[in-house]
Amino acid sequence: MTTGHRITIERSDRPVRVAHAGQVLAESDRPLVLRETGCPDRYYIPAEDVRLDLLTPSGTRTYCPFKGTASYWSLPDAADLVWAYPEPEPGVAEIKDHLCFYEVDVL
């Protein structure tokens, strides 16, 4: 890791819900919260708790030297709303099979 850069991951004790335009896309009582230097806290939700049937895979890919290559999913009116790291770097292996959304309501 770069000097001063830190990532921690822990199981959240608070449930989360993700909705877009009034439609619930995910709801989980077992999210992970990823805290990364210089970034807002991000909730990673197990794939089983996400309405994947509502999402369309995107061709977008991004690379993070700390987490790996991210894949994205979209809604018809919201491009690249969701991302995941299918093969995360070893230091963040816990986020495998979890998806992350830009906007999450913590309940």
PDB file of N, CA and C in Angstrom:
ATOM      1  N   MET A   1       0.838  -1.190   0.000  1.00  0.00           N
ATOM      2  CA  MET A   1       0.000   0.000   0.000  1.00  0.00           C
ATOM      3  C   MET A   1       0.875   1.242   0.000  1.00  0.00           C
ATOM      4  N   THR A   2       0.318   2.306  -0.513  1.00  0.00           N
ATOM      5  CA  THR A   2       0.997   3.589  -0.509  1.00  0.00           C
ATOM      6  C   THR A   2       1.082   4.087   0.935  1.00  0.00           C
ATOM      7  N   THR A   3       2.174   4.728   1.275  1.00  0.00           N
ATOM      8  CA  THR A   3       2.341   5.255   2.621  1.00  0.00           C
ATOM      9  C   THR A   3       1.163   6.136   2.998  1.00  0.00           C
ATOM     10  N   GLY A   4       0.579   5.854   4.141  1.00  0.00           N
ATOM     11  CA  GLY A   4      -0.548   6.643   4.625  1.00  0.00           C
ATOM     12  C   GLY A   4      -1.907   6.203   4.102  1.00  0.00           C
ATOM     13  N   HIS A   5      -1.938   5.328   3.110  1.00  0.00           N
ATOM     14  CA  HIS A   5      -3.218   4.840   2.575  1.00  0.00           C
ATOM     15  C   HIS A   5      -3.645   3.620   3.367  1.00  0.00           C
ATOM     16  N   ARG A   6      -4.911   3.604   3.746  1.00  0.00           N
ATOM     17  CA  ARG A   6      -5.403   2.503   4.572  1.00  0.00           C
ATOM     18  C   ARG A   6      -6.805   2.113   4.153  1.00  0.00           C
ATOM     19  N   ILE A   7      -7.063   0.818   4.173  1.00  0.00           N
ATOM     20  CA  ILE A   7      -8.409   0.285   3.949  1.00  0.00           C
ATOM     21  C   ILE A   7      -8.722  -0.660   5.099  1.00  0.00           C
ATOM     22  N   THR A   8      -9.895  -0.474   5.694  1.00  0.00           N
ATOM     23  CA  THR A   8     -10.381  -1.420   6.681  1.00  0.00           C
ATOM     24  C   THR A   8     -11.762  -1.882   6.242  1.00  0.00           C
ATOM     25  N   ILE A   9     -12.066  -3.128   6.557  1.00  0.00           N
ATOM     26  CA  ILE A   9     -13.374  -3.707   6.220  1.00  0.00           C
ATOM     27  C   ILE A   9     -13.893  -4.392   7.473  1.00  0.00           C
ATOM     28  N   GLU A  10     -15.145  -4.114   7.775  1.00  0.00           N
ATOM     29  CA  GLU A  10     -15.769  -4.792   8.911  1.00  0.00           C
ATOM     30  C   GLU A  10     -17.247  -5.008   8.627  1.00  0.00           C
ATOM     31  N   ARG A  11     -17.803  -5.957   9.290  1.00  0.00           N
ATOM     32  CA  ARG A  11     -19.238  -6.198   9.161  1.00  0.00           C
ATOM     33  C   ARG A  11     -19.967  -5.073   9.874  1.00  0.00           C
ATOM     34  N   SER A  12     -20.945  -4.502   9.200  1.00  0.00           N
ATOM     35  CA  SER A  12     -21.740  -3.425   9.794  1.00  0.00           C
ATOM     36  C   SER A  12     -22.798  -4.033  10.690  1.00  0.00           C
ATOM     37  N   ASP A  13     -23.086  -3.364  11.779  1.00  0.00           N
ATOM     38  CA  ASP A  13     -24.146  -3.834  12.664  1.00  0.00           C
ATOM     39  C   ASP A  13     -25.475  -3.150  12.351  1.00  0.00           C
ATOM     40  N   ARG A  14     -25.496  -2.410  11.243  1.00  0.00           N
ATOM     41  CA  ARG A  14     -26.721  -1.712  10.846  1.00  0.00           C
ATOM     42  C   ARG A  14     -27.179  -2.192   9.480  1.00  0.00           C
ATOM     43  N   PRO A  15     -28.465  -2.458   9.327  1.00  0.00           N
ATOM     44  CA  PRO A  15     -28.975  -2.842   8.004  1.00  0.00           C
ATOM     45  C   PRO A  15     -28.932  -1.663   7.038  1.00  0.00           C
ATOM     46  N   VAL A  16     -28.864  -1.989   5.740  1.00  0.00           N
ATOM     47  CA  VAL A  16     -28.868  -0.967   4.705  1.00  0.00           C
ATOM     48  C   VAL A  16     -29.927  -1.291   3.660  1.00  0.00           C
ATOM     49  N   ARG A  17     -30.383  -0.243   2.990  1.00  0.00           N
ATOM     50  CA  ARG A  17     -31.347  -0.376   1.894  1.00  0.00           C
ATOM     51  C   ARG A  17     -30.893   0.549   0.774  1.00  0.00           C
ATOM     52  N   VAL A  18     -31.037   0.053  -0.437  1.00  0.00           N
ATOM     53  CA  VAL A  18     -30.717   0.861  -1.610  1.00  0.00           C
ATOM     54  C   VAL A  18     -31.974   0.952  -2.454  1.00  0.00           C
ATOM     55  N   ALA A  19     -32.377   2.172  -2.770  1.00  0.00           N
ATOM     56  CA  ALA A  19     -33.534   2.388  -3.636  1.00  0.00           C
ATOM     57  C   ALA A  19     -33.169   3.428  -4.678  1.00  0.00           C
ATOM     58  N   HIS A  20     -33.785   3.283  -5.839  1.00  0.00           N
ATOM     59  CA  HIS A  20     -33.604   4.263  -6.910  1.00  0.00           C
ATOM     60  C   HIS A  20     -34.974   4.511  -7.514  1.00  0.00           C
ATOM     61  N   ALA A  21     -35.374   5.773  -7.561  1.00  0.00           N
ATOM     62  CA  ALA A  21     -36.677   6.155  -8.103  1.00  0.00           C
ATOM     63  C   ALA A  21     -37.798   5.358  -7.432  1.00  0.00           C
ATOM     64  N   GLY A  22     -37.662   5.147  -6.133  1.00  0.00           N
ATOM     65  CA  GLY A  22     -38.702   4.465  -5.367  1.00  0.00           C
ATOM     66  C   GLY A  22     -38.663   2.944  -5.421  1.00  0.00           C
ATOM     67  N   GLN A  23     -37.771   2.378  -6.197  1.00  0.00           N
ATOM     68  CA  GLN A  23     -37.684   0.922  -6.327  1.00  0.00           C
ATOM     69  C   GLN A  23     -36.508   0.403  -5.492  1.00  0.00           C
ATOM     70  N   VAL A  24     -36.777  -0.548  -4.613  1.00  0.00           N
ATOM     71  CA  VAL A  24     -35.723  -1.116  -3.781  1.00  0.00           C
ATOM     72  C   VAL A  24     -34.854  -2.032  -4.640  1.00  0.00           C
ATOM     73  N   LEU A  25     -33.551  -1.754  -4.637  1.00  0.00           N
ATOM     74  CA  LEU A  25     -32.590  -2.535  -5.411  1.00  0.00           C
ATOM     75  C   LEU A  25     -31.819  -3.524  -4.544  1.00  0.00           C
ATOM     76  N   ALA A  26     -31.711  -3.209  -3.259  1.00  0.00           N
ATOM     77  CA  ALA A  26     -30.986  -4.091  -2.346  1.00  0.00           C
ATOM     78  C   ALA A  26     -31.426  -3.783  -0.919  1.00  0.00           C
ATOM     79  N   GLU A  27     -31.378  -4.824  -0.105  1.00  0.00           N
ATOM     80  CA  GLU A  27     -31.690  -4.682   1.306  1.00  0.00           C
ATOM     81  C   GLU A  27     -30.913  -5.770   2.031  1.00  0.00           C
ATOM     82  N   SER A  28     -30.147  -5.371   3.042  1.00  0.00           N
ATOM     83  CA  SER A  28     -29.306  -6.354   3.706  1.00  0.00           C
ATOM     84  C   SER A  28     -29.117  -6.013   5.176  1.00  0.00           C
ATOM     85  N   ASP A  29     -29.079  -7.062   5.988  1.00  0.00           N
ATOM     86  CA  ASP A  29     -28.739  -6.880   7.392  1.00  0.00           C
ATOM     87  C   ASP A  29     -27.338  -7.430   7.665  1.00  0.00           C
ATOM     88  N   ARG A  30     -26.580  -7.641   6.581  1.00  0.00           N
ATOM     89  CA  ARG A  30     -25.217  -8.166   6.726  1.00  0.00           C
ATOM     90  C   ARG A  30     -24.224  -7.506   5.763  1.00  0.00           C
ATOM     91  N   PRO A  31     -24.303  -6.183   5.629  1.00  0.00           N
ATOM     92  CA  PRO A  31     -23.342  -5.518   4.742  1.00  0.00           C
ATOM     93  C   PRO A  31     -21.964  -5.416   5.390  1.00  0.00           C
ATOM     94  N   LEU A  32     -20.991  -5.205   4.537  1.00  0.00           N
ATOM     95  CA  LEU A  32     -19.644  -4.865   4.996  1.00  0.00           C
ATOM     96  C   LEU A  32     -19.462  -3.369   4.786  1.00  0.00           C
ATOM     97  N   VAL A  33     -18.769  -2.729   5.685  1.00  0.00           N
ATOM     98  CA  VAL A  33     -18.445  -1.322   5.485  1.00  0.00           C
ATOM     99  C   VAL A  33     -16.940  -1.236   5.226  1.00  0.00           C
ATOM    100  N   LEU A  34     -16.609  -0.605   4.107  1.00  0.00           N
ATOM    101  CA  LEU A  34     -15.216  -0.424   3.715  1.00  0.00           C
ATOM    102  C   LEU A  34     -14.864   1.035   3.930  1.00  0.00           C
ATOM    103  N   ARG A  35     -13.843   1.245   4.728  1.00  0.00           N
ATOM    104  CA  ARG A  35     -13.352   2.596   4.988  1.00  0.00           C
ATOM    105  C   ARG A  35     -11.972   2.713   4.337  1.00  0.00           C
ATOM    106  N   GLU A  36     -11.838   3.729   3.481  1.00  0.00           N
ATOM    107  CA  GLU A  36     -10.603   3.910   2.728  1.00  0.00           C
ATOM    108  C   GLU A  36     -10.143   5.354   2.840  1.00  0.00           C
ATOM    109  N   THR A  37      -8.872   5.539   3.047  1.00  0.00           N
ATOM    110  CA  THR A  37      -8.285   6.866   3.156  1.00  0.00           C
ATOM    111  C   THR A  37      -8.740   7.744   1.987  1.00  0.00           C
ATOM    112  N   GLY A  38      -9.296   8.913   2.316  1.00  0.00           N
ATOM    113  CA  GLY A  38      -9.682   9.881   1.291  1.00  0.00           C
ATOM    114  C   GLY A  38     -11.001   9.599   0.597  1.00  0.00           C
ATOM    115  N   CYS A  39     -11.724   8.574   1.010  1.00  0.00           N
ATOM    116  CA  CYS A  39     -12.988   8.202   0.360  1.00  0.00           C
ATOM    117  C   CYS A  39     -14.104   8.111   1.402  1.00  0.00           C
ATOM    118  N   PRO A  40     -15.350   8.299   0.967  1.00  0.00           N
ATOM    119  CA  PRO A  40     -16.454   8.093   1.913  1.00  0.00           C
ATOM    120  C   PRO A  40     -16.582   6.608   2.248  1.00  0.00           C
ATOM    121  N   ASP A  41     -17.164   6.310   3.401  1.00  0.00           N
ATOM    122  CA  ASP A  41     -17.453   4.923   3.747  1.00  0.00           C
ATOM    123  C   ASP A  41     -18.338   4.329   2.670  1.00  0.00           C
ATOM    124  N   ARG A  42     -18.070   3.093   2.300  1.00  0.00           N
ATOM    125  CA  ARG A  42     -18.860   2.394   1.288  1.00  0.00           C
ATOM    126  C   ARG A  42     -19.368   1.086   1.867  1.00  0.00           C
ATOM    127  N   TYR A  43     -20.643   0.818   1.606  1.00  0.00           N
ATOM    128  CA  TYR A  43     -21.264  -0.416   2.058  1.00  0.00           C
ATOM    129  C   TYR A  43     -21.265  -1.424   0.918  1.00  0.00           C
ATOM    130  N   TYR A  44     -20.703  -2.582   1.166  1.00  0.00           N
ATOM    131  CA  TYR A  44     -20.664  -3.678   0.204  1.00  0.00           C
ATOM    132  C   TYR A  44     -21.699  -4.706   0.648  1.00  0.00           C
ATOM    133  N   ILE A  45     -22.636  -4.974  -0.252  1.00  0.00           N
ATOM    134  CA  ILE A  45     -23.796  -5.795   0.052  1.00  0.00           C
ATOM    135  C   ILE A  45     -23.645  -7.159  -0.612  1.00  0.00           C
ATOM    136  N   PRO A  46     -23.910  -8.244   0.129  1.00  0.00           N
ATOM    137  CA  PRO A  46     -23.827  -9.571  -0.486  1.00  0.00           C
ATOM    138  C   PRO A  46     -24.712  -9.657  -1.729  1.00  0.00           C
ATOM    139  N   ALA A  47     -24.195 -10.299  -2.765  1.00  0.00           N
ATOM    140  CA  ALA A  47     -24.931 -10.398  -4.034  1.00  0.00           C
ATOM    141  C   ALA A  47     -26.330 -10.990  -3.838  1.00  0.00           C
ATOM    142  N   GLU A  48     -26.482 -11.905  -2.891  1.00  0.00           N
ATOM    143  CA  GLU A  48     -27.796 -12.521  -2.661  1.00  0.00           C
ATOM    144  C   GLU A  48     -28.838 -11.519  -2.173  1.00  0.00           C
ATOM    145  N   ASP A  49     -28.396 -10.383  -1.663  1.00  0.00           N
ATOM    146  CA  ASP A  49     -29.307  -9.365  -1.135  1.00  0.00           C
ATOM    147  C   ASP A  49     -29.569  -8.235  -2.124  1.00  0.00           C
ATOM    148  N   VAL A  50     -29.102  -8.405  -3.363  1.00  0.00           N
ATOM    149  CA  VAL A  50     -29.241  -7.377  -4.402  1.00  0.00           C
ATOM    150  C   VAL A  50     -30.171  -7.898  -5.491  1.00  0.00           C
ATOM    151  N   ARG A  51     -31.061  -7.037  -5.981  1.00  0.00           N
ATOM    152  CA  ARG A  51     -31.976  -7.388  -7.076  1.00  0.00           C
ATOM    153  C   ARG A  51     -31.229  -7.337  -8.403  1.00  0.00           C
ATOM    154  N   LEU A  52     -30.406  -8.342  -8.635  1.00  0.00           N
ATOM    155  CA  LEU A  52     -29.614  -8.403  -9.860  1.00  0.00           C
ATOM    156  C   LEU A  52     -30.488  -8.486 -11.102  1.00  0.00           C
ATOM    157  N   ASP A  53     -31.712  -8.971 -10.944  1.00  0.00           N
ATOM    158  CA  ASP A  53     -32.630  -9.062 -12.077  1.00  0.00           C
ATOM    159  C   ASP A  53     -33.027  -7.693 -12.616  1.00  0.00           C
ATOM    160  N   LEU A  54     -32.818  -6.644 -11.834  1.00  0.00           N
ATOM    161  CA  LEU A  54     -33.161  -5.288 -12.268  1.00  0.00           C
ATOM    162  C   LEU A  54     -31.977  -4.561 -12.911  1.00  0.00           C
ATOM    163  N   LEU A  55     -30.800  -5.134 -12.798  1.00  0.00           N
ATOM    164  CA  LEU A  55     -29.570  -4.477 -13.245  1.00  0.00           C
ATOM    165  C   LEU A  55     -29.042  -5.096 -14.525  1.00  0.00           C
ATOM    166  N   THR A  56     -28.400  -4.286 -15.336  1.00  0.00           N
ATOM    167  CA  THR A  56     -27.791  -4.735 -16.586  1.00  0.00           C
ATOM    168  C   THR A  56     -26.285  -4.556 -16.492  1.00  0.00           C
ATOM    169  N   PRO A  57     -25.504  -5.601 -16.780  1.00  0.00           N
ATOM    170  CA  PRO A  57     -24.052  -5.424 -16.758  1.00  0.00           C
ATOM    171  C   PRO A  57     -23.619  -4.336 -17.740  1.00  0.00           C
ATOM    172  N   SER A  58     -22.646  -3.581 -17.331  1.00  0.00           N
ATOM    173  CA  SER A  58     -22.095  -2.495 -18.137  1.00  0.00           C
ATOM    174  C   SER A  58     -20.731  -2.938 -18.671  1.00  0.00           C
ATOM    175  N   GLY A  59     -20.285  -2.304 -19.715  1.00  0.00           N
ATOM    176  CA  GLY A  59     -18.946  -2.573 -20.232  1.00  0.00           C
ATOM    177  C   GLY A  59     -17.864  -1.810 -19.486  1.00  0.00           C
ATOM    178  N   THR A  60     -18.263  -0.974 -18.552  1.00  0.00           N
ATOM    179  CA  THR A  60     -17.304  -0.153 -17.818  1.00  0.00           C
ATOM    180  C   THR A  60     -16.456  -1.005 -16.878  1.00  0.00           C
ATOM    181  N   ARG A  61     -15.177  -0.724 -16.871  1.00  0.00           N
ATOM    182  CA  ARG A  61     -14.229  -1.340 -15.943  1.00  0.00           C
ATOM    183  C   ARG A  61     -13.313  -0.231 -15.444  1.00  0.00           C
ATOM    184  N   THR A  62     -13.005  -0.267 -14.167  1.00  0.00           N
ATOM    185  CA  THR A  62     -12.029   0.660 -13.610  1.00  0.00           C
ATOM    186  C   THR A  62     -11.037  -0.143 -12.783  1.00  0.00           C
ATOM    187  N   TYR A  63      -9.875   0.447 -12.559  1.00  0.00           N
ATOM    188  CA  TYR A  63      -8.848  -0.252 -11.794  1.00  0.00           C
ATOM    189  C   TYR A  63      -8.437   0.575 -10.589  1.00  0.00           C
ATOM    190  N   CYS A  64      -8.385  -0.080  -9.443  1.00  0.00           N
ATOM    191  CA  CYS A  64      -7.875   0.511  -8.210  1.00  0.00           C
ATOM    192  C   CYS A  64      -6.680  -0.338  -7.773  1.00  0.00           C
ATOM    193  N   PRO A  65      -5.536   0.268  -7.531  1.00  0.00           N
ATOM    194  CA  PRO A  65      -4.371  -0.531  -7.144  1.00  0.00           C
ATOM    195  C   PRO A  65      -4.534  -1.235  -5.801  1.00  0.00           C
ATOM    196  N   PHE A  66      -5.497  -0.803  -5.005  1.00  0.00           N
ATOM    197  CA  PHE A  66      -5.711  -1.387  -3.681  1.00  0.00           C
ATOM    198  C   PHE A  66      -6.804  -2.450  -3.670  1.00  0.00           C
ATOM    199  N   LYS A  67      -7.768  -2.317  -4.607  1.00  0.00           N
ATOM    200  CA  LYS A  67      -8.906  -3.242  -4.604  1.00  0.00           C
ATOM    201  C   LYS A  67      -8.962  -4.126  -5.843  1.00  0.00           C
ATOM    202  N   GLY A  68      -8.414  -3.701  -6.950  1.00  0.00           N
ATOM    203  CA  GLY A  68      -8.412  -4.500  -8.170  1.00  0.00           C
ATOM    204  C   GLY A  68      -9.263  -3.866  -9.262  1.00  0.00           C
ATOM    205  N   THR A  69      -9.748  -4.701 -10.182  1.00  0.00           N
ATOM    206  CA  THR A  69     -10.556  -4.233 -11.305  1.00  0.00           C
ATOM    207  C   THR A  69     -12.039  -4.369 -10.955  1.00  0.00           C
ATOM    208  N   ALA A  70     -12.758  -3.269 -11.113  1.00  0.00           N
ATOM    209  CA  ALA A  70     -14.190  -3.235 -10.804  1.00  0.00           C
ATOM    210  C   ALA A  70     -15.014  -3.435 -12.071  1.00  0.00           C
ATOM    211  N   SER A  71     -16.105  -4.171 -11.935  1.00  0.00           N
ATOM    212  CA  SER A  71     -17.133  -4.311 -12.973  1.00  0.00           C
ATOM    213  C   SER A  71     -18.350  -3.519 -12.515  1.00  0.00           C
ATOM    214  N   TYR A  72     -19.171  -3.058 -13.483  1.00  0.00           N
ATOM    215  CA  TYR A  72     -20.301  -2.180 -13.165  1.00  0.00           C
ATOM    216  C   TYR A  72     -21.611  -2.717 -13.729  1.00  0.00           C
ATOM    217  N   TRP A  73     -22.714  -2.272 -13.118  1.00  0.00           N
ATOM    218  CA  TRP A  73     -24.071  -2.572 -13.572  1.00  0.00           C
ATOM    219  C   TRP A  73     -24.853  -1.271 -13.606  1.00  0.00           C
ATOM    220  N   SER A  74     -25.872  -1.249 -14.476  1.00  0.00           N
ATOM    221  CA  SER A  74     -26.665  -0.031 -14.676  1.00  0.00           C
ATOM    222  C   SER A  74     -28.147  -0.326 -14.622  1.00  0.00           C
ATOM    223  N   LEU A  75     -28.912   0.743 -14.456  1.00  0.00           N
ATOM    224  CA  LEU A  75     -30.353   0.761 -14.677  1.00  0.00           C
ATOM    225  C   LEU A  75     -30.591   1.552 -15.953  1.00  0.00           C
ATOM    226  N   PRO A  76     -31.768   1.453 -16.560  1.00  0.00           N
ATOM    227  CA  PRO A  76     -32.010   2.218 -17.792  1.00  0.00           C
ATOM    228  C   PRO A  76     -31.755   3.719 -17.642  1.00  0.00           C
ATOM    229  N   ASP A  77     -32.018   4.258 -16.445  1.00  0.00           N
ATOM    230  CA  ASP A  77     -31.845   5.701 -16.245  1.00  0.00           C
ATOM    231  C   ASP A  77     -30.679   6.048 -15.311  1.00  0.00           C
ATOM    232  N   ALA A  78     -29.824   5.077 -15.034  1.00  0.00           N
ATOM    233  CA  ALA A  78     -28.703   5.321 -14.118  1.00  0.00           C
ATOM    234  C   ALA A  78     -27.522   4.429 -14.513  1.00  0.00           C
ATOM    235  N   ALA A  79     -26.626   4.991 -15.306  1.00  0.00           N
ATOM    236  CA  ALA A  79     -25.464   4.228 -15.778  1.00  0.00           C
ATOM    237  C   ALA A  79     -24.469   3.986 -14.647  1.00  0.00           C
ATOM    238  N   ASP A  80     -23.935   2.795 -14.614  1.00  0.00           N
ATOM    239  CA  ASP A  80     -22.845   2.440 -13.698  1.00  0.00           C
ATOM    240  C   ASP A  80     -23.158   2.789 -12.242  1.00  0.00           C
ATOM    241  N   LEU A  81     -24.353   2.462 -11.838  1.00  0.00           N
ATOM    242  CA  LEU A  81     -24.838   2.752 -10.491  1.00  0.00           C
ATOM    243  C   LEU A  81     -24.245   1.813  -9.446  1.00  0.00           C
ATOM    244  N   VAL A  82     -23.835   0.626  -9.872  1.00  0.00           N
ATOM    245  CA  VAL A  82     -23.402  -0.435  -8.974  1.00  0.00           C
ATOM    246  C   VAL A  82     -22.057  -0.968  -9.454  1.00  0.00           C
ATOM    247  N   TRP A  83     -21.184  -1.331  -8.512  1.00  0.00           N
ATOM    248  CA  TRP A  83     -19.923  -1.940  -8.912  1.00  0.00           C
ATOM    249  C   TRP A  83     -19.546  -3.055  -7.937  1.00  0.00           C
ATOM    250  N   ALA A  84     -18.632  -3.881  -8.400  1.00  0.00           N
ATOM    251  CA  ALA A  84     -18.106  -4.969  -7.580  1.00  0.00           C
ATOM    252  C   ALA A  84     -16.703  -5.291  -8.064  1.00  0.00           C
ATOM    253  N   TYR A  85     -15.972  -5.966  -7.215  1.00  0.00           N
ATOM    254  CA  TYR A  85     -14.633  -6.440  -7.545  1.00  0.00           C
ATOM    255  C   TYR A  85     -14.681  -7.965  -7.597  1.00  0.00           C
ATOM    256  N   PRO A  86     -14.886  -8.537  -8.785  1.00  0.00           N
ATOM    257  CA  PRO A  86     -15.023  -9.992  -8.897  1.00  0.00           C
ATOM    258  C   PRO A  86     -13.787 -10.751  -8.419  1.00  0.00           C
ATOM    259  N   GLU A  87     -12.619 -10.187  -8.615  1.00  0.00           N
ATOM    260  CA  GLU A  87     -11.360 -10.793  -8.170  1.00  0.00           C
ATOM    261  C   GLU A  87     -10.576  -9.742  -7.392  1.00  0.00           C
ATOM    262  N   PRO A  88     -11.010  -9.425  -6.168  1.00  0.00           N
ATOM    263  CA  PRO A  88     -10.351  -8.348  -5.425  1.00  0.00           C
ATOM    264  C   PRO A  88      -8.918  -8.709  -5.031  1.00  0.00           C
ATOM    265  N   GLU A  89      -8.153  -7.681  -4.774  1.00  0.00           N
ATOM    266  CA  GLU A  89      -6.794  -7.871  -4.270  1.00  0.00           C
ATOM    267  C   GLU A  89      -6.856  -8.615  -2.927  1.00  0.00           C
ATOM    268  N   PRO A  90      -5.815  -9.366  -2.591  1.00  0.00           N
ATOM    269  CA  PRO A  90      -5.831 -10.165  -1.359  1.00  0.00           C
ATOM    270  C   PRO A  90      -6.139  -9.375  -0.089  1.00  0.00           C
ATOM    271  N   GLY A  91      -5.701  -8.133  -0.010  1.00  0.00           N
ATOM    272  CA  GLY A  91      -5.929  -7.336   1.187  1.00  0.00           C
ATOM    273  C   GLY A  91      -7.377  -6.950   1.432  1.00  0.00           C
ATOM    274  N   VAL A  92      -8.217  -7.123   0.413  1.00  0.00           N
ATOM    275  CA  VAL A  92      -9.648  -6.791   0.547  1.00  0.00           C
ATOM    276  C   VAL A  92     -10.518  -7.961   0.076  1.00  0.00           C
ATOM    277  N   ALA A  93     -10.021  -9.165   0.253  1.00  0.00           N
ATOM    278  CA  ALA A  93     -10.715 -10.366  -0.240  1.00  0.00           C
ATOM    279  C   ALA A  93     -12.146 -10.480   0.261  1.00  0.00           C
ATOM    280  N   GLU A  94     -12.457  -9.890   1.401  1.00  0.00           N
ATOM    281  CA  GLU A  94     -13.810  -9.987   1.974  1.00  0.00           C
ATOM    282  C   GLU A  94     -14.889  -9.402   1.070  1.00  0.00           C
ATOM    283  N   ILE A  95     -14.531  -8.467   0.172  1.00  0.00           N
ATOM    284  CA  ILE A  95     -15.557  -7.835  -0.663  1.00  0.00           C
ATOM    285  C   ILE A  95     -15.933  -8.663  -1.887  1.00  0.00           C
ATOM    286  N   LYS A  96     -15.269  -9.791  -2.089  1.00  0.00           N
ATOM    287  CA  LYS A  96     -15.647 -10.677  -3.199  1.00  0.00           C
ATOM    288  C   LYS A  96     -17.107 -11.093  -3.004  1.00  0.00           C
ATOM    289  N   ASP A  97     -17.844 -11.134  -4.108  1.00  0.00           N
ATOM    290  CA  ASP A  97     -19.270 -11.506  -4.098  1.00  0.00           C
ATOM    291  C   ASP A  97     -20.147 -10.495  -3.363  1.00  0.00           C
ATOM    292  N   HIS A  98     -19.679  -9.263  -3.269  1.00  0.00           N
ATOM    293  CA  HIS A  98     -20.447  -8.153  -2.694  1.00  0.00           C
ATOM    294  C   HIS A  98     -20.520  -7.036  -3.728  1.00  0.00           C
ATOM    295  N   LEU A  99     -21.623  -6.292  -3.712  1.00  0.00           N
ATOM    296  CA  LEU A  99     -21.797  -5.167  -4.622  1.00  0.00           C
ATOM    297  C   LEU A  99     -21.905  -3.880  -3.833  1.00  0.00           C
ATOM    298  N   CYS A 100     -21.518  -2.797  -4.471  1.00  0.00           N
ATOM    299  CA  CYS A 100     -21.519  -1.495  -3.820  1.00  0.00           C
ATOM    300  C   CYS A 100     -22.302  -0.506  -4.671  1.00  0.00           C
ATOM    301  N   PHE A 101     -23.053   0.359  -4.007  1.00  0.00           N
ATOM    302  CA  PHE A 101     -23.876   1.382  -4.651  1.00  0.00           C
ATOM    303  C   PHE A 101     -23.386   2.755  -4.206  1.00  0.00           C
ATOM    304  N   TYR A 102     -23.601   3.749  -5.055  1.00  0.00           N
ATOM    305  CA  TYR A 102     -23.212   5.105  -4.672  1.00  0.00           C
ATOM    306  C   TYR A 102     -24.037   5.641  -3.515  1.00  0.00           C
ATOM    307  N   GLU A 103     -25.339   5.403  -3.527  1.00  0.00           N
ATOM    308  CA  GLU A 103     -26.219   5.941  -2.495  1.00  0.00           C
ATOM    309  C   GLU A 103     -26.859   4.798  -1.710  1.00  0.00           C
ATOM    310  N   VAL A 104     -26.632   4.772  -0.400  1.00  0.00           N
ATOM    311  CA  VAL A 104     -27.151   3.729   0.463  1.00  0.00           C
ATOM    312  C   VAL A 104     -27.786   4.380   1.669  1.00  0.00           C
ATOM    313  N   ASP A 105     -28.968   3.900   2.046  1.00  0.00           N
ATOM    314  CA  ASP A 105     -29.607   4.341   3.282  1.00  0.00           C
ATOM    315  C   ASP A 105     -29.240   3.367   4.380  1.00  0.00           C
ATOM    316  N   VAL A 106     -28.642   3.888   5.445  1.00  0.00           N
ATOM    317  CA  VAL A 106     -28.334   3.053   6.603  1.00  0.00           C
ATOM    318  C   VAL A 106     -29.520   3.143   7.540  1.00  0.00           C
ATOM    319  N   LEU A 107     -30.110   1.994   7.857  1.00  0.00           N
ATOM    320  CA  LEU A 107     -31.333   1.970   8.673  1.00  0.00           C
ATOM    321  C   LEU A 107     -31.028   1.900  10.144  1.00  0.00           C
TER     322      LEU A 107
END
